[in-house]
């Protein structure tokens, strides 16, 4: 799958407003549904950042991004699976943006792993599966639970998808074939 027209428009907006350049010290990566073409009209632009010092990141974000419409910045406590984070939200060129910064390299963050796994699944399962994901999303189901529901995965969809990140294409194919509910 590849970015939708809305995803390409989001990339242009980020470029126009220099958001990725502003965040360049924090290894920003656009993740989520936009890059893999399963976004809806309400999907935001998800940006993952690596911030070894969350206090520094928070201060930086406030000083550099607070002029954007609907700016907010808050801390999120660590959970069992994800470390503490700073969440920044604002609107840029008509697109809602959410920045998730944590003291974990971006390529190891759940959001990045989910996107990779979801892209692989979409490639393996084809366009009808993608339409099913979009239909569930339009009905209000979040992305990861939508994948889990269509694949018949039992358990926490966020953990299950992250665990699939290290699978080879063959292993993933076999896992999908064995779990899909008929």
N, C-alpha and C. Protein backbone atom coordinates (compact mmCIF):
# COMPACT_ATOMS: atom_id res chain seq x y z
N UNK A 1 0.85 -1.18 0.00
CA UNK A 1 0.00 0.00 0.00
C UNK A 1 0.90 1.24 0.00
N UNK A 2 0.37 2.30 -0.46
CA UNK A 2 1.11 3.55 -0.45
C UNK A 2 0.19 4.66 0.01
N UNK A 3 0.78 5.81 0.22
CA UNK A 3 0.02 6.95 0.73
C UNK A 3 -1.15 7.28 -0.19
N UNK A 4 -2.24 7.65 0.43
CA UNK A 4 -3.42 8.09 -0.31
C UNK A 4 -3.17 9.51 -0.82
N UNK A 5 -4.10 10.03 -1.62
CA UNK A 5 -3.96 11.42 -2.06
C UNK A 5 -3.97 12.35 -0.86
N UNK A 6 -4.77 12.01 0.16
CA UNK A 6 -4.78 12.80 1.39
C UNK A 6 -3.42 12.70 2.10
N UNK A 7 -2.81 11.52 2.05
CA UNK A 7 -1.49 11.34 2.64
C UNK A 7 -0.44 12.17 1.93
N UNK A 8 -0.53 12.23 0.61
CA UNK A 8 0.42 13.06 -0.15
C UNK A 8 0.19 14.53 0.16
N UNK A 9 -1.07 14.92 0.31
CA UNK A 9 -1.38 16.31 0.67
C UNK A 9 -0.82 16.63 2.06
N UNK A 10 -0.93 15.70 2.98
CA UNK A 10 -0.38 15.91 4.32
C UNK A 10 1.13 16.10 4.27
N UNK A 11 1.81 15.31 3.43
CA UNK A 11 3.26 15.45 3.29
C UNK A 11 3.61 16.84 2.76
N UNK A 12 2.83 17.33 1.81
CA UNK A 12 3.07 18.67 1.27
C UNK A 12 2.87 19.74 2.33
N UNK A 13 1.86 19.57 3.18
CA UNK A 13 1.59 20.54 4.25
C UNK A 13 2.76 20.55 5.24
N UNK A 14 3.23 19.37 5.63
CA UNK A 14 4.36 19.31 6.56
C UNK A 14 5.58 20.00 5.98
N UNK A 15 5.80 19.79 4.68
CA UNK A 15 6.93 20.44 4.00
C UNK A 15 6.74 21.96 3.98
N UNK A 16 5.55 22.39 3.58
CA UNK A 16 5.27 23.83 3.47
C UNK A 16 5.49 24.57 4.78
N UNK A 17 5.07 23.95 5.88
CA UNK A 17 5.19 24.60 7.19
C UNK A 17 6.48 24.24 7.92
N UNK A 18 7.31 23.40 7.32
CA UNK A 18 8.61 23.07 7.89
C UNK A 18 8.56 22.26 9.18
N UNK A 19 7.49 21.51 9.38
CA UNK A 19 7.32 20.79 10.64
C UNK A 19 8.43 19.76 10.85
N UNK A 20 8.75 18.99 9.83
CA UNK A 20 9.78 17.97 9.98
C UNK A 20 11.16 18.60 10.19
N UNK A 21 11.40 19.74 9.56
CA UNK A 21 12.66 20.45 9.79
C UNK A 21 12.74 20.95 11.23
N UNK A 22 11.63 21.47 11.73
CA UNK A 22 11.60 21.95 13.12
C UNK A 22 11.94 20.81 14.08
N UNK A 23 11.45 19.62 13.78
CA UNK A 23 11.63 18.46 14.66
C UNK A 23 12.88 17.65 14.35
N UNK A 24 13.71 18.11 13.45
CA UNK A 24 14.82 17.29 12.93
C UNK A 24 15.77 16.75 13.99
N UNK A 25 15.93 17.43 15.11
CA UNK A 25 16.82 16.93 16.17
C UNK A 25 16.24 15.71 16.89
N UNK A 26 14.99 15.37 16.60
CA UNK A 26 14.30 14.30 17.31
C UNK A 26 13.91 13.14 16.40
N UNK A 27 14.61 13.00 15.27
CA UNK A 27 14.41 11.89 14.34
C UNK A 27 12.94 11.67 13.97
N UNK A 28 12.23 12.70 13.51
CA UNK A 28 10.80 12.56 13.25
C UNK A 28 10.49 11.63 12.08
N UNK A 29 9.45 10.83 12.25
CA UNK A 29 8.97 9.94 11.20
C UNK A 29 7.44 10.02 11.19
N UNK A 30 6.88 10.23 10.01
CA UNK A 30 5.42 10.19 9.88
C UNK A 30 5.01 8.72 9.88
N UNK A 31 4.07 8.39 10.74
CA UNK A 31 3.61 7.01 10.87
C UNK A 31 2.09 6.98 10.80
N UNK A 32 1.51 5.85 11.15
CA UNK A 32 0.06 5.75 11.20
C UNK A 32 -0.55 5.35 9.87
N UNK A 33 -1.77 5.81 9.65
CA UNK A 33 -2.55 5.35 8.49
C UNK A 33 -2.27 6.12 7.20
N UNK A 34 -1.86 7.37 7.31
CA UNK A 34 -1.65 8.17 6.10
C UNK A 34 -0.58 7.58 5.17
N UNK A 35 0.60 7.18 5.68
CA UNK A 35 1.62 6.66 4.76
C UNK A 35 1.25 5.34 4.08
N UNK A 36 0.31 4.58 4.68
CA UNK A 36 -0.01 3.28 4.09
C UNK A 36 -1.39 3.25 3.43
N UNK A 37 -2.01 4.41 3.30
CA UNK A 37 -3.21 4.54 2.49
C UNK A 37 -4.50 4.01 3.10
N UNK A 38 -4.58 3.92 4.42
CA UNK A 38 -5.84 3.47 5.04
C UNK A 38 -6.38 4.56 5.98
N UNK A 39 -6.18 5.78 5.58
CA UNK A 39 -6.66 6.92 6.37
C UNK A 39 -8.10 7.24 6.01
N UNK A 40 -8.76 7.91 6.93
CA UNK A 40 -10.11 8.41 6.70
C UNK A 40 -10.05 9.93 6.72
N UNK A 41 -11.16 10.57 6.45
CA UNK A 41 -11.20 12.04 6.43
C UNK A 41 -10.84 12.64 7.78
N UNK A 42 -10.99 11.89 8.85
CA UNK A 42 -10.67 12.42 10.18
C UNK A 42 -9.30 11.99 10.69
N UNK A 43 -8.55 11.24 9.90
CA UNK A 43 -7.22 10.78 10.33
C UNK A 43 -6.28 11.95 10.53
N UNK A 44 -5.50 11.88 11.61
CA UNK A 44 -4.52 12.93 11.84
C UNK A 44 -3.17 12.51 11.26
N UNK A 45 -2.25 13.46 11.25
CA UNK A 45 -0.88 13.18 10.85
C UNK A 45 -0.15 12.78 12.12
N UNK A 46 0.28 11.52 12.19
CA UNK A 46 1.02 11.02 13.35
C UNK A 46 2.51 11.16 13.08
N UNK A 47 3.20 11.83 13.99
CA UNK A 47 4.65 11.97 13.88
C UNK A 47 5.28 11.38 15.13
N UNK A 48 6.18 10.43 14.94
CA UNK A 48 6.90 9.82 16.05
C UNK A 48 8.25 10.50 16.19
N UNK A 49 8.65 10.76 17.43
CA UNK A 49 9.95 11.38 17.69
C UNK A 49 10.68 10.63 18.79
N UNK A 50 11.99 10.67 18.73
CA UNK A 50 12.84 10.11 19.78
C UNK A 50 13.42 11.27 20.59
N UNK A 51 13.06 11.31 21.86
CA UNK A 51 13.53 12.39 22.74
C UNK A 51 14.14 11.76 23.98
N UNK A 52 15.46 11.78 24.06
CA UNK A 52 16.12 11.19 25.23
C UNK A 52 15.83 12.00 26.49
N UNK A 53 15.48 13.27 26.34
CA UNK A 53 15.14 14.14 27.46
C UNK A 53 13.75 14.72 27.19
N UNK A 54 12.75 14.16 27.84
CA UNK A 54 11.37 14.58 27.58
C UNK A 54 11.10 16.01 28.03
N UNK A 55 11.75 16.45 29.11
CA UNK A 55 11.59 17.85 29.54
C UNK A 55 12.09 18.80 28.45
N UNK A 56 13.24 18.48 27.90
CA UNK A 56 13.80 19.31 26.82
C UNK A 56 12.86 19.32 25.62
N UNK A 57 12.33 18.14 25.26
CA UNK A 57 11.42 18.08 24.12
C UNK A 57 10.17 18.92 24.37
N UNK A 58 9.59 18.79 25.57
CA UNK A 58 8.38 19.55 25.89
C UNK A 58 8.63 21.05 25.74
N UNK A 59 9.73 21.53 26.32
CA UNK A 59 10.07 22.96 26.23
C UNK A 59 10.29 23.37 24.78
N UNK A 60 10.98 22.53 24.03
CA UNK A 60 11.24 22.81 22.62
C UNK A 60 9.93 22.89 21.85
N UNK A 61 9.06 21.91 22.06
CA UNK A 61 7.78 21.88 21.34
C UNK A 61 6.95 23.11 21.64
N UNK A 62 6.91 23.49 22.90
CA UNK A 62 6.14 24.68 23.27
C UNK A 62 6.72 25.92 22.60
N UNK A 63 8.04 26.04 22.63
CA UNK A 63 8.66 27.25 22.07
C UNK A 63 8.57 27.32 20.55
N UNK A 64 8.56 26.18 19.87
CA UNK A 64 8.59 26.18 18.41
C UNK A 64 7.26 25.89 17.72
N UNK A 65 6.31 25.28 18.44
CA UNK A 65 5.08 24.85 17.79
C UNK A 65 3.81 25.49 18.35
N UNK A 66 3.93 26.24 19.44
CA UNK A 66 2.73 26.76 20.10
C UNK A 66 1.95 27.77 19.25
N UNK A 67 2.55 28.28 18.20
CA UNK A 67 1.83 29.24 17.35
C UNK A 67 0.84 28.56 16.40
N UNK A 68 0.92 27.23 16.28
CA UNK A 68 -0.04 26.51 15.45
C UNK A 68 -1.40 26.49 16.14
N UNK A 69 -2.45 26.49 15.34
CA UNK A 69 -3.82 26.47 15.86
C UNK A 69 -4.06 25.24 16.74
N UNK A 70 -4.86 25.42 17.76
CA UNK A 70 -5.29 24.35 18.67
C UNK A 70 -4.12 23.60 19.30
N UNK A 71 -3.01 24.30 19.54
CA UNK A 71 -1.83 23.67 20.14
C UNK A 71 -2.13 23.18 21.55
N UNK A 72 -1.69 21.97 21.84
CA UNK A 72 -1.71 21.46 23.21
C UNK A 72 -0.51 20.55 23.40
N UNK A 73 -0.06 20.46 24.63
CA UNK A 73 1.10 19.63 24.94
C UNK A 73 0.87 19.04 26.33
N UNK A 74 0.98 17.73 26.43
CA UNK A 74 0.83 17.11 27.75
C UNK A 74 1.72 15.88 27.87
N UNK A 75 1.97 15.52 29.12
CA UNK A 75 2.76 14.32 29.41
C UNK A 75 1.83 13.12 29.50
N UNK A 76 2.33 11.99 29.08
CA UNK A 76 1.61 10.73 29.24
C UNK A 76 2.48 9.80 30.06
N UNK A 77 1.92 9.27 31.12
CA UNK A 77 2.68 8.38 31.99
C UNK A 77 3.02 7.08 31.26
N UNK A 78 4.06 6.44 31.74
CA UNK A 78 4.45 5.15 31.17
C UNK A 78 3.35 4.13 31.42
N UNK A 79 3.24 3.20 30.49
CA UNK A 79 2.31 2.07 30.65
C UNK A 79 3.15 0.80 30.75
N UNK A 80 2.50 -0.32 30.83
CA UNK A 80 3.23 -1.59 30.92
C UNK A 80 4.11 -1.84 29.70
N UNK A 81 3.73 -1.29 28.55
CA UNK A 81 4.45 -1.59 27.31
C UNK A 81 5.12 -0.40 26.65
N UNK A 82 4.78 0.81 27.07
CA UNK A 82 5.32 2.01 26.43
C UNK A 82 5.79 2.98 27.51
N UNK A 83 6.98 3.52 27.32
CA UNK A 83 7.53 4.47 28.28
C UNK A 83 6.77 5.78 28.32
N UNK A 84 7.15 6.61 29.26
CA UNK A 84 6.56 7.95 29.37
C UNK A 84 6.73 8.69 28.05
N UNK A 85 5.81 9.59 27.77
CA UNK A 85 5.84 10.30 26.49
C UNK A 85 5.33 11.72 26.66
N UNK A 86 5.69 12.54 25.69
CA UNK A 86 5.10 13.87 25.55
C UNK A 86 4.25 13.82 24.29
N UNK A 87 2.99 14.24 24.41
CA UNK A 87 2.06 14.26 23.29
C UNK A 87 1.79 15.72 22.93
N UNK A 88 2.02 16.06 21.68
CA UNK A 88 1.77 17.42 21.18
C UNK A 88 0.71 17.32 20.09
N UNK A 89 -0.27 18.19 20.17
CA UNK A 89 -1.32 18.22 19.14
C UNK A 89 -1.51 19.65 18.65
N UNK A 90 -1.77 19.78 17.36
CA UNK A 90 -2.08 21.08 16.76
C UNK A 90 -2.68 20.85 15.39
N UNK A 91 -3.11 21.92 14.77
CA UNK A 91 -3.64 21.85 13.41
C UNK A 91 -2.68 22.60 12.50
N UNK A 92 -2.33 21.98 11.38
CA UNK A 92 -1.38 22.55 10.44
C UNK A 92 -1.97 22.44 9.03
N UNK A 93 -2.24 23.58 8.41
CA UNK A 93 -2.79 23.57 7.06
C UNK A 93 -4.08 22.79 6.94
N UNK A 94 -4.89 22.80 7.98
CA UNK A 94 -6.16 22.09 7.97
C UNK A 94 -6.08 20.65 8.44
N UNK A 95 -4.89 20.13 8.66
CA UNK A 95 -4.72 18.76 9.13
C UNK A 95 -4.44 18.73 10.63
N UNK A 96 -5.15 17.87 11.37
CA UNK A 96 -4.76 17.67 12.77
C UNK A 96 -3.44 16.89 12.80
N UNK A 97 -2.55 17.30 13.70
CA UNK A 97 -1.24 16.67 13.84
C UNK A 97 -1.10 16.18 15.27
N UNK A 98 -0.55 14.98 15.44
CA UNK A 98 -0.22 14.49 16.77
C UNK A 98 1.22 14.02 16.75
N UNK A 99 2.02 14.57 17.66
CA UNK A 99 3.41 14.18 17.81
C UNK A 99 3.52 13.35 19.08
N UNK A 100 4.14 12.19 18.96
CA UNK A 100 4.36 11.29 20.08
C UNK A 100 5.86 11.19 20.27
N UNK A 101 6.37 11.73 21.38
CA UNK A 101 7.81 11.70 21.65
C UNK A 101 8.08 10.87 22.90
N UNK A 102 8.98 9.94 22.78
CA UNK A 102 9.36 9.10 23.90
C UNK A 102 10.85 8.80 23.83
N UNK A 103 11.39 8.28 24.92
CA UNK A 103 12.81 7.96 24.99
C UNK A 103 13.04 6.55 24.43
N UNK A 104 12.60 6.35 23.23
CA UNK A 104 12.75 5.08 22.54
C UNK A 104 13.01 5.42 21.08
N UNK A 105 14.01 4.82 20.46
CA UNK A 105 14.24 5.10 19.05
C UNK A 105 12.96 4.88 18.24
N UNK A 106 12.72 5.74 17.28
CA UNK A 106 11.47 5.71 16.52
C UNK A 106 11.21 4.34 15.91
N UNK A 107 12.23 3.72 15.35
CA UNK A 107 12.02 2.44 14.68
C UNK A 107 11.68 1.30 15.63
N UNK A 108 11.76 1.55 16.94
CA UNK A 108 11.37 0.55 17.94
C UNK A 108 10.04 0.90 18.61
N UNK A 109 9.47 2.05 18.29
CA UNK A 109 8.21 2.45 18.90
C UNK A 109 7.04 1.65 18.32
N UNK A 110 6.05 1.38 19.17
CA UNK A 110 4.88 0.62 18.74
C UNK A 110 4.23 1.23 17.50
N UNK A 111 4.11 2.54 17.46
CA UNK A 111 3.46 3.19 16.33
C UNK A 111 4.16 2.88 15.01
N UNK A 112 5.48 2.83 15.03
CA UNK A 112 6.25 2.51 13.84
C UNK A 112 6.10 1.03 13.49
N UNK A 113 6.22 0.17 14.51
CA UNK A 113 6.09 -1.27 14.28
C UNK A 113 4.70 -1.61 13.75
N UNK A 114 3.67 -0.99 14.33
CA UNK A 114 2.31 -1.24 13.85
C UNK A 114 2.18 -0.87 12.37
N UNK A 115 2.71 0.29 12.01
CA UNK A 115 2.60 0.73 10.62
C UNK A 115 3.29 -0.27 9.68
N UNK A 116 4.48 -0.73 10.05
CA UNK A 116 5.19 -1.70 9.20
C UNK A 116 4.40 -2.99 9.05
N UNK A 117 3.91 -3.50 10.17
CA UNK A 117 3.16 -4.76 10.14
C UNK A 117 1.87 -4.58 9.34
N UNK A 118 1.17 -3.48 9.57
CA UNK A 118 -0.07 -3.23 8.84
C UNK A 118 0.19 -3.13 7.34
N UNK A 119 1.27 -2.48 6.95
CA UNK A 119 1.61 -2.39 5.52
C UNK A 119 1.88 -3.78 4.94
N UNK A 120 2.58 -4.62 5.69
CA UNK A 120 2.86 -5.98 5.22
C UNK A 120 1.57 -6.78 5.09
N UNK A 121 0.71 -6.65 6.10
CA UNK A 121 -0.57 -7.37 6.06
C UNK A 121 -1.40 -6.92 4.86
N UNK A 122 -1.47 -5.62 4.64
CA UNK A 122 -2.23 -5.10 3.50
C UNK A 122 -1.67 -5.64 2.19
N UNK A 123 -0.35 -5.73 2.09
CA UNK A 123 0.28 -6.27 0.89
C UNK A 123 -0.10 -7.74 0.70
N UNK A 124 -0.06 -8.51 1.79
CA UNK A 124 -0.36 -9.93 1.70
C UNK A 124 -1.85 -10.20 1.47
N UNK A 125 -2.70 -9.40 2.08
CA UNK A 125 -4.14 -9.68 2.06
C UNK A 125 -4.88 -9.01 0.90
N UNK A 126 -4.32 -7.95 0.35
CA UNK A 126 -4.91 -7.34 -0.83
C UNK A 126 -5.95 -6.26 -0.58
N UNK A 127 -6.47 -5.70 -1.68
CA UNK A 127 -7.36 -4.54 -1.59
C UNK A 127 -8.69 -4.80 -0.89
N UNK A 128 -9.24 -6.01 -0.98
CA UNK A 128 -10.50 -6.27 -0.29
C UNK A 128 -10.32 -6.19 1.23
N UNK A 129 -9.18 -6.66 1.70
CA UNK A 129 -8.89 -6.56 3.13
C UNK A 129 -8.77 -5.10 3.54
N UNK A 130 -8.07 -4.31 2.73
CA UNK A 130 -7.94 -2.87 3.02
C UNK A 130 -9.31 -2.20 3.08
N UNK A 131 -10.20 -2.58 2.17
CA UNK A 131 -11.56 -2.03 2.20
C UNK A 131 -12.28 -2.42 3.49
N UNK A 132 -12.04 -3.62 3.97
CA UNK A 132 -12.63 -4.06 5.23
C UNK A 132 -12.12 -3.26 6.40
N UNK A 133 -10.81 -2.99 6.41
CA UNK A 133 -10.23 -2.15 7.47
C UNK A 133 -10.86 -0.77 7.43
N UNK A 134 -10.94 -0.19 6.25
CA UNK A 134 -11.53 1.15 6.12
C UNK A 134 -12.99 1.17 6.55
N UNK A 135 -13.74 0.13 6.22
CA UNK A 135 -15.15 0.08 6.62
C UNK A 135 -15.27 0.06 8.14
N UNK A 136 -14.43 -0.73 8.80
CA UNK A 136 -14.46 -0.76 10.26
C UNK A 136 -14.04 0.59 10.85
N UNK A 137 -13.02 1.20 10.26
CA UNK A 137 -12.58 2.51 10.74
C UNK A 137 -13.70 3.54 10.58
N UNK A 138 -14.40 3.50 9.47
CA UNK A 138 -15.51 4.43 9.24
C UNK A 138 -16.64 4.20 10.25
N UNK A 139 -16.71 2.98 10.78
CA UNK A 139 -17.73 2.65 11.79
C UNK A 139 -17.24 2.98 13.20
N UNK A 140 -16.03 3.55 13.30
CA UNK A 140 -15.53 3.99 14.60
C UNK A 140 -14.52 3.08 15.27
N UNK A 141 -14.14 1.99 14.61
CA UNK A 141 -13.16 1.07 15.18
C UNK A 141 -11.76 1.63 14.93
N UNK A 142 -10.90 1.62 15.94
CA UNK A 142 -9.51 2.06 15.77
C UNK A 142 -8.77 1.10 14.83
N UNK A 143 -7.66 1.55 14.28
CA UNK A 143 -6.94 0.79 13.26
C UNK A 143 -6.50 -0.59 13.74
N UNK A 144 -5.76 -0.67 14.83
CA UNK A 144 -5.22 -1.95 15.28
C UNK A 144 -6.34 -2.94 15.62
N UNK A 145 -7.38 -2.51 16.37
CA UNK A 145 -8.49 -3.44 16.60
C UNK A 145 -9.20 -3.87 15.30
N UNK A 146 -9.25 -2.99 14.30
CA UNK A 146 -9.85 -3.36 13.02
C UNK A 146 -9.06 -4.49 12.37
N UNK A 147 -7.74 -4.36 12.36
CA UNK A 147 -6.90 -5.43 11.80
C UNK A 147 -7.13 -6.73 12.57
N UNK A 148 -7.09 -6.65 13.89
CA UNK A 148 -7.26 -7.85 14.72
C UNK A 148 -8.61 -8.50 14.47
N UNK A 149 -9.65 -7.70 14.37
CA UNK A 149 -10.99 -8.24 14.14
C UNK A 149 -11.06 -8.98 12.81
N UNK A 150 -10.55 -8.36 11.76
CA UNK A 150 -10.60 -8.99 10.43
C UNK A 150 -9.72 -10.24 10.35
N UNK A 151 -8.64 -10.24 11.12
CA UNK A 151 -7.72 -11.37 11.09
C UNK A 151 -8.08 -12.46 12.09
N UNK A 152 -9.05 -12.17 12.97
CA UNK A 152 -9.44 -13.15 13.98
C UNK A 152 -8.40 -13.32 15.07
N UNK A 153 -7.65 -12.27 15.35
CA UNK A 153 -6.64 -12.32 16.40
C UNK A 153 -7.30 -12.08 17.75
N UNK A 154 -7.00 -12.92 18.71
CA UNK A 154 -7.53 -12.76 20.06
C UNK A 154 -6.43 -12.19 20.96
N UNK A 155 -6.80 -11.24 21.80
CA UNK A 155 -5.84 -10.62 22.70
C UNK A 155 -5.71 -9.14 22.40
N UNK A 156 -4.72 -8.52 22.99
CA UNK A 156 -4.49 -7.09 22.82
C UNK A 156 -3.94 -6.83 21.42
N UNK A 157 -4.70 -6.17 20.55
CA UNK A 157 -4.24 -5.98 19.16
C UNK A 157 -2.96 -5.16 19.07
N UNK A 158 -2.74 -4.26 20.00
CA UNK A 158 -1.54 -3.43 19.96
C UNK A 158 -0.29 -4.27 20.22
N UNK A 159 -0.38 -5.20 21.16
CA UNK A 159 0.74 -6.09 21.46
C UNK A 159 0.90 -7.11 20.34
N UNK A 160 -0.20 -7.71 19.90
CA UNK A 160 -0.14 -8.75 18.87
C UNK A 160 0.49 -8.23 17.58
N UNK A 161 0.10 -7.04 17.14
CA UNK A 161 0.69 -6.50 15.91
C UNK A 161 2.17 -6.18 16.09
N UNK A 162 2.54 -5.62 17.24
CA UNK A 162 3.95 -5.31 17.48
C UNK A 162 4.79 -6.58 17.48
N UNK A 163 4.24 -7.67 18.01
CA UNK A 163 4.97 -8.94 18.05
C UNK A 163 5.20 -9.52 16.66
N UNK A 164 4.40 -9.12 15.70
CA UNK A 164 4.54 -9.63 14.33
C UNK A 164 5.64 -8.91 13.54
N UNK A 165 6.21 -7.86 14.11
CA UNK A 165 7.18 -7.03 13.38
C UNK A 165 8.43 -7.79 12.97
N UNK A 166 8.84 -8.78 13.75
CA UNK A 166 10.07 -9.51 13.44
C UNK A 166 9.84 -10.73 12.55
N UNK A 167 8.61 -10.97 12.15
CA UNK A 167 8.32 -12.14 11.31
C UNK A 167 8.81 -11.93 9.89
N UNK A 168 9.28 -13.01 9.29
CA UNK A 168 9.60 -12.97 7.87
C UNK A 168 8.28 -12.94 7.10
N UNK A 169 8.32 -12.57 5.82
CA UNK A 169 7.07 -12.61 5.04
C UNK A 169 6.40 -13.98 5.06
N UNK A 170 7.19 -15.04 4.99
CA UNK A 170 6.62 -16.39 5.04
C UNK A 170 5.97 -16.69 6.37
N UNK A 171 6.64 -16.32 7.45
CA UNK A 171 6.07 -16.54 8.78
C UNK A 171 4.78 -15.75 8.95
N UNK A 172 4.78 -14.50 8.48
CA UNK A 172 3.58 -13.69 8.61
C UNK A 172 2.44 -14.29 7.78
N UNK A 173 2.75 -14.72 6.57
CA UNK A 173 1.73 -15.34 5.73
C UNK A 173 1.12 -16.55 6.44
N UNK A 174 1.97 -17.42 6.98
CA UNK A 174 1.49 -18.61 7.67
C UNK A 174 0.65 -18.23 8.89
N UNK A 175 1.08 -17.22 9.63
CA UNK A 175 0.32 -16.77 10.81
C UNK A 175 -1.05 -16.24 10.39
N UNK A 176 -1.08 -15.46 9.33
CA UNK A 176 -2.36 -14.90 8.87
C UNK A 176 -3.30 -16.00 8.39
N UNK A 177 -2.78 -16.93 7.64
CA UNK A 177 -3.61 -18.02 7.11
C UNK A 177 -4.18 -18.85 8.26
N UNK A 178 -3.38 -19.04 9.32
CA UNK A 178 -3.84 -19.89 10.43
C UNK A 178 -4.82 -19.18 11.36
N UNK A 179 -4.90 -17.85 11.30
CA UNK A 179 -5.76 -17.13 12.25
C UNK A 179 -7.00 -16.51 11.65
N UNK A 180 -7.05 -16.37 10.34
CA UNK A 180 -8.20 -15.70 9.73
C UNK A 180 -9.46 -16.52 9.96
N UNK A 181 -10.45 -15.85 10.46
CA UNK A 181 -11.74 -16.51 10.67
C UNK A 181 -12.46 -16.63 9.33
N UNK A 182 -12.92 -17.78 9.04
CA UNK A 182 -13.63 -18.02 7.77
C UNK A 182 -15.05 -17.55 7.85
